[in-house]
Amino acid sequence: KDKEVQIIPWVLSDSNFVRCPAPRLDPQKTVFVGALHGMMTAQALAVVFNDLFGGVIYAGLDTDKYKYPIGSGRVTFNNRQSFMKAVSAAFIEIKTPRFSKKIQV
């Protein structure tokens, strides 16, 4: 059987985004994000979460041993209120000209 395959080029630096370097990212203010689209960069993830909830200081995409994104990531906030708003959302829909995807927080 023939199967259609989409090839998405990846720039290694697109896996991490830091708004302001912190000595240590607080795991108690970090959310796990799943079901990410293959074209989603860490910076784009940070912008979406900052627009919705505020306070984003870091976004990172989980990668495989070849540094290619595996569809999940983490977002860290600088305050508990933004963190709790993100956790309460559970799912958010991201719509761009290139793709539309519902992701899990």
N, C-alpha and C. Protein backbone atom coordinates (compact mmCIF):
# COMPACT_ATOMS: atom_id res chain seq x y z
N LYS A 1 0.83 -1.21 0.00
CA LYS A 1 0.00 0.00 0.00
C LYS A 1 0.86 1.25 0.00
N ASP A 2 0.45 2.23 -0.78
CA ASP A 2 1.12 3.53 -0.75
C ASP A 2 0.56 4.35 0.39
N LYS A 3 1.44 5.06 1.07
CA LYS A 3 1.01 5.91 2.18
C LYS A 3 1.63 7.28 2.00
N GLU A 4 0.81 8.31 2.17
CA GLU A 4 1.29 9.68 2.04
C GLU A 4 2.04 10.07 3.31
N VAL A 5 3.20 10.72 3.13
CA VAL A 5 4.05 11.11 4.25
C VAL A 5 4.32 12.60 4.15
N GLN A 6 4.26 13.28 5.31
CA GLN A 6 4.60 14.70 5.35
C GLN A 6 5.98 14.84 5.97
N ILE A 7 6.87 15.54 5.28
CA ILE A 7 8.22 15.79 5.79
C ILE A 7 8.27 17.21 6.30
N ILE A 8 8.66 17.34 7.57
CA ILE A 8 8.72 18.67 8.20
C ILE A 8 10.17 18.93 8.59
N PRO A 9 10.85 19.87 7.89
CA PRO A 9 12.23 20.20 8.28
C PRO A 9 12.25 20.80 9.68
N TRP A 10 13.35 20.59 10.41
CA TRP A 10 13.41 21.05 11.80
C TRP A 10 14.74 21.73 12.08
N VAL A 11 14.69 22.90 12.69
CA VAL A 11 15.88 23.64 13.12
C VAL A 11 16.07 23.34 14.61
N LEU A 12 17.23 22.85 15.00
CA LEU A 12 17.45 22.43 16.39
C LEU A 12 17.14 23.52 17.40
N SER A 13 17.44 24.77 17.05
CA SER A 13 17.20 25.87 18.00
C SER A 13 15.71 26.12 18.24
N ASP A 14 14.83 25.54 17.43
CA ASP A 14 13.39 25.73 17.61
C ASP A 14 12.82 24.88 18.75
N SER A 15 13.67 24.07 19.39
CA SER A 15 13.19 23.19 20.46
C SER A 15 13.07 23.87 21.82
N ASN A 16 13.77 24.99 22.01
CA ASN A 16 13.74 25.69 23.30
C ASN A 16 13.57 27.19 23.11
N PHE A 17 12.81 27.80 24.02
CA PHE A 17 12.62 29.24 24.01
C PHE A 17 12.69 29.74 25.46
N VAL A 18 13.56 30.71 25.72
CA VAL A 18 13.70 31.29 27.06
C VAL A 18 13.44 32.79 26.96
N ARG A 19 12.40 33.25 27.67
CA ARG A 19 12.09 34.69 27.65
C ARG A 19 13.06 35.45 28.53
N CYS A 20 13.30 34.97 29.74
CA CYS A 20 14.27 35.61 30.62
C CYS A 20 14.98 34.50 31.39
N PRO A 21 16.28 34.41 31.23
CA PRO A 21 17.02 33.34 31.90
C PRO A 21 16.82 33.37 33.42
N ALA A 22 16.47 32.23 33.96
CA ALA A 22 16.28 32.12 35.41
C ALA A 22 17.32 31.13 35.93
N PRO A 23 17.74 31.31 37.17
CA PRO A 23 18.73 30.37 37.71
C PRO A 23 18.18 28.93 37.71
N ARG A 24 16.87 28.80 37.94
CA ARG A 24 16.26 27.48 37.99
C ARG A 24 14.78 27.60 37.61
N LEU A 25 14.31 26.72 36.72
CA LEU A 25 12.90 26.73 36.36
C LEU A 25 12.13 25.95 37.42
N ASP A 26 11.05 26.53 37.91
CA ASP A 26 10.27 25.93 38.99
C ASP A 26 9.33 24.85 38.45
N PRO A 27 9.56 23.58 38.81
CA PRO A 27 8.68 22.52 38.31
C PRO A 27 7.24 22.66 38.82
N GLN A 28 7.05 23.41 39.91
CA GLN A 28 5.69 23.62 40.43
C GLN A 28 4.93 24.68 39.65
N LYS A 29 5.60 25.31 38.69
CA LYS A 29 4.93 26.28 37.82
C LYS A 29 5.10 25.87 36.36
N THR A 30 5.30 24.57 36.12
CA THR A 30 5.52 24.04 34.78
C THR A 30 4.40 23.09 34.39
N VAL A 31 3.85 23.28 33.19
CA VAL A 31 2.80 22.38 32.69
C VAL A 31 3.36 21.52 31.56
N PHE A 32 2.86 20.31 31.46
CA PHE A 32 3.17 19.42 30.36
C PHE A 32 2.13 19.67 29.27
N VAL A 33 2.58 19.71 28.03
CA VAL A 33 1.69 19.95 26.90
C VAL A 33 1.82 18.78 25.94
N GLY A 34 0.68 18.20 25.55
CA GLY A 34 0.72 17.05 24.65
C GLY A 34 -0.05 17.31 23.36
N ALA A 35 0.13 16.43 22.41
CA ALA A 35 -0.55 16.46 21.10
C ALA A 35 -0.16 17.70 20.28
N LEU A 36 1.10 18.11 20.38
CA LEU A 36 1.56 19.27 19.61
C LEU A 36 1.73 18.91 18.13
N HIS A 37 1.45 19.87 17.28
CA HIS A 37 1.65 19.69 15.84
C HIS A 37 3.14 19.72 15.52
N GLY A 38 3.55 19.00 14.51
CA GLY A 38 4.95 18.92 14.12
C GLY A 38 5.57 20.24 13.68
N MET A 39 4.76 21.22 13.31
CA MET A 39 5.29 22.52 12.89
C MET A 39 5.37 23.52 14.04
N MET A 40 4.94 23.11 15.23
CA MET A 40 4.96 24.01 16.38
C MET A 40 6.38 24.15 16.92
N THR A 41 6.85 25.40 17.03
CA THR A 41 8.17 25.65 17.62
C THR A 41 7.99 26.04 19.08
N ALA A 42 9.07 25.98 19.84
CA ALA A 42 9.01 26.37 21.25
C ALA A 42 8.60 27.84 21.40
N GLN A 43 9.12 28.69 20.52
CA GLN A 43 8.77 30.11 20.60
C GLN A 43 7.28 30.31 20.33
N ALA A 44 6.75 29.63 19.32
CA ALA A 44 5.32 29.75 19.02
C ALA A 44 4.48 29.26 20.19
N LEU A 45 4.91 28.17 20.82
CA LEU A 45 4.21 27.64 21.99
C LEU A 45 4.22 28.67 23.12
N ALA A 46 5.37 29.29 23.34
CA ALA A 46 5.50 30.32 24.38
C ALA A 46 4.58 31.50 24.10
N VAL A 47 4.51 31.94 22.86
CA VAL A 47 3.66 33.09 22.49
C VAL A 47 2.19 32.76 22.73
N VAL A 48 1.74 31.58 22.31
CA VAL A 48 0.34 31.18 22.49
C VAL A 48 0.00 31.14 23.98
N PHE A 49 0.83 30.47 24.78
CA PHE A 49 0.54 30.35 26.21
C PHE A 49 0.66 31.69 26.92
N ASN A 50 1.59 32.54 26.50
CA ASN A 50 1.70 33.86 27.12
C ASN A 50 0.50 34.72 26.78
N ASP A 51 0.03 34.66 25.53
CA ASP A 51 -1.16 35.43 25.14
C ASP A 51 -2.40 34.98 25.92
N LEU A 52 -2.52 33.67 26.15
CA LEU A 52 -3.69 33.14 26.84
C LEU A 52 -3.62 33.29 28.36
N PHE A 53 -2.45 33.04 28.94
CA PHE A 53 -2.35 32.94 30.39
C PHE A 53 -1.37 33.91 31.04
N GLY A 54 -0.44 34.49 30.25
CA GLY A 54 0.56 35.42 30.79
C GLY A 54 1.67 34.71 31.56
N GLY A 55 2.77 35.41 31.78
CA GLY A 55 3.82 34.94 32.66
C GLY A 55 4.74 33.84 32.15
N VAL A 56 4.74 33.56 30.85
CA VAL A 56 5.59 32.48 30.34
C VAL A 56 7.06 32.91 30.35
N ILE A 57 7.91 32.08 30.97
CA ILE A 57 9.35 32.38 30.96
C ILE A 57 10.15 31.33 30.19
N TYR A 58 9.52 30.17 29.93
CA TYR A 58 10.23 29.12 29.19
C TYR A 58 9.24 28.20 28.49
N ALA A 59 9.61 27.76 27.30
CA ALA A 59 8.87 26.71 26.60
C ALA A 59 9.89 25.80 25.94
N GLY A 60 9.67 24.52 26.06
CA GLY A 60 10.58 23.55 25.46
C GLY A 60 9.81 22.40 24.86
N LEU A 61 10.31 21.88 23.75
CA LEU A 61 9.70 20.73 23.11
C LEU A 61 10.53 19.49 23.42
N ASP A 62 9.86 18.41 23.74
CA ASP A 62 10.54 17.15 23.97
C ASP A 62 11.00 16.59 22.62
N THR A 63 12.21 16.04 22.58
CA THR A 63 12.76 15.54 21.33
C THR A 63 13.25 14.10 21.49
N ASP A 64 13.41 13.43 20.35
CA ASP A 64 13.95 12.06 20.37
C ASP A 64 15.48 12.12 20.35
N LYS A 65 16.10 10.97 20.21
CA LYS A 65 17.57 10.94 20.26
C LYS A 65 18.22 11.67 19.09
N TYR A 66 17.44 11.96 18.05
CA TYR A 66 17.96 12.71 16.89
C TYR A 66 17.62 14.20 16.98
N LYS A 67 17.07 14.62 18.13
CA LYS A 67 16.69 16.02 18.40
C LYS A 67 15.48 16.47 17.58
N TYR A 68 14.65 15.52 17.15
CA TYR A 68 13.42 15.84 16.41
C TYR A 68 12.25 15.81 17.39
N PRO A 69 11.33 16.79 17.32
CA PRO A 69 10.24 16.88 18.29
C PRO A 69 9.32 15.64 18.25
N ILE A 70 8.87 15.24 19.44
CA ILE A 70 8.03 14.04 19.53
C ILE A 70 6.56 14.37 19.84
N GLY A 71 6.19 15.64 19.80
CA GLY A 71 4.77 16.01 19.95
C GLY A 71 4.35 16.39 21.36
N SER A 72 5.33 16.60 22.23
CA SER A 72 5.00 17.05 23.58
C SER A 72 6.03 18.09 24.03
N GLY A 73 5.72 18.78 25.11
CA GLY A 73 6.65 19.79 25.61
C GLY A 73 6.25 20.28 26.98
N ARG A 74 6.93 21.34 27.41
CA ARG A 74 6.68 21.92 28.73
C ARG A 74 6.71 23.44 28.63
N VAL A 75 5.87 24.07 29.45
CA VAL A 75 5.83 25.53 29.53
C VAL A 75 5.94 25.90 31.01
N THR A 76 6.86 26.82 31.32
CA THR A 76 7.05 27.27 32.71
C THR A 76 6.62 28.73 32.83
N PHE A 77 5.91 29.01 33.91
CA PHE A 77 5.40 30.35 34.19
C PHE A 77 6.17 30.98 35.35
N ASN A 78 6.09 32.31 35.45
CA ASN A 78 6.77 33.00 36.55
C ASN A 78 5.84 33.28 37.72
N ASN A 79 4.58 32.81 37.63
CA ASN A 79 3.64 33.01 38.73
C ASN A 79 2.63 31.88 38.80
N ARG A 80 2.13 31.64 39.98
CA ARG A 80 1.20 30.52 40.22
C ARG A 80 -0.15 30.74 39.55
N GLN A 81 -0.61 31.98 39.47
CA GLN A 81 -1.92 32.28 38.88
C GLN A 81 -1.97 31.88 37.41
N SER A 82 -0.93 32.22 36.63
CA SER A 82 -0.88 31.84 35.22
C SER A 82 -0.82 30.32 35.07
N PHE A 83 -0.01 29.69 35.94
CA PHE A 83 0.10 28.23 35.93
C PHE A 83 -1.28 27.60 36.16
N MET A 84 -2.01 28.07 37.15
CA MET A 84 -3.32 27.49 37.47
C MET A 84 -4.33 27.74 36.35
N LYS A 85 -4.26 28.90 35.70
CA LYS A 85 -5.16 29.16 34.57
C LYS A 85 -4.89 28.17 33.44
N ALA A 86 -3.61 27.88 33.18
CA ALA A 86 -3.25 26.94 32.13
C ALA A 86 -3.72 25.53 32.47
N VAL A 87 -3.52 25.11 33.71
CA VAL A 87 -3.95 23.78 34.15
C VAL A 87 -5.47 23.65 34.04
N SER A 88 -6.18 24.70 34.42
CA SER A 88 -7.64 24.68 34.38
C SER A 88 -8.18 24.60 32.96
N ALA A 89 -7.43 25.09 32.00
CA ALA A 89 -7.89 25.10 30.60
C ALA A 89 -8.02 23.68 30.05
N ALA A 90 -7.13 22.78 30.46
CA ALA A 90 -7.10 21.37 30.03
C ALA A 90 -6.81 21.19 28.53
N PHE A 91 -7.57 21.83 27.67
CA PHE A 91 -7.33 21.77 26.22
C PHE A 91 -7.39 23.17 25.65
N ILE A 92 -6.55 23.46 24.66
CA ILE A 92 -6.67 24.73 23.93
C ILE A 92 -6.53 24.43 22.44
N GLU A 93 -7.16 25.24 21.63
CA GLU A 93 -7.09 25.06 20.18
C GLU A 93 -6.17 26.11 19.60
N ILE A 94 -5.21 25.66 18.79
CA ILE A 94 -4.27 26.57 18.14
C ILE A 94 -4.59 26.59 16.66
N LYS A 95 -4.85 27.78 16.13
CA LYS A 95 -5.15 27.91 14.70
C LYS A 95 -4.13 28.85 14.07
N THR A 96 -3.45 28.37 13.04
CA THR A 96 -2.50 29.19 12.30
C THR A 96 -2.80 29.02 10.82
N PRO A 97 -2.19 29.84 9.97
CA PRO A 97 -2.40 29.64 8.52
C PRO A 97 -1.87 28.28 8.05
N ARG A 98 -0.90 27.71 8.76
CA ARG A 98 -0.28 26.45 8.34
C ARG A 98 -0.94 25.21 8.92
N PHE A 99 -1.57 25.35 10.11
CA PHE A 99 -2.23 24.20 10.73
C PHE A 99 -3.21 24.63 11.81
N SER A 100 -4.09 23.71 12.17
CA SER A 100 -5.03 23.92 13.27
C SER A 100 -4.97 22.65 14.11
N LYS A 101 -4.84 22.81 15.44
CA LYS A 101 -4.64 21.62 16.28
C LYS A 101 -5.14 21.90 17.69
N LYS A 102 -5.85 20.93 18.26
CA LYS A 102 -6.26 20.99 19.66
C LYS A 102 -5.18 20.30 20.47
N ILE A 103 -4.65 21.02 21.47
CA ILE A 103 -3.57 20.43 22.28
C ILE A 103 -4.04 20.26 23.72
N GLN A 104 -3.39 19.35 24.40
CA GLN A 104 -3.75 19.02 25.79
C GLN A 104 -2.74 19.65 26.75
N VAL A 105 -3.26 20.29 27.80
CA VAL A 105 -2.40 20.87 28.82
C VAL A 105 -2.41 19.95 30.03
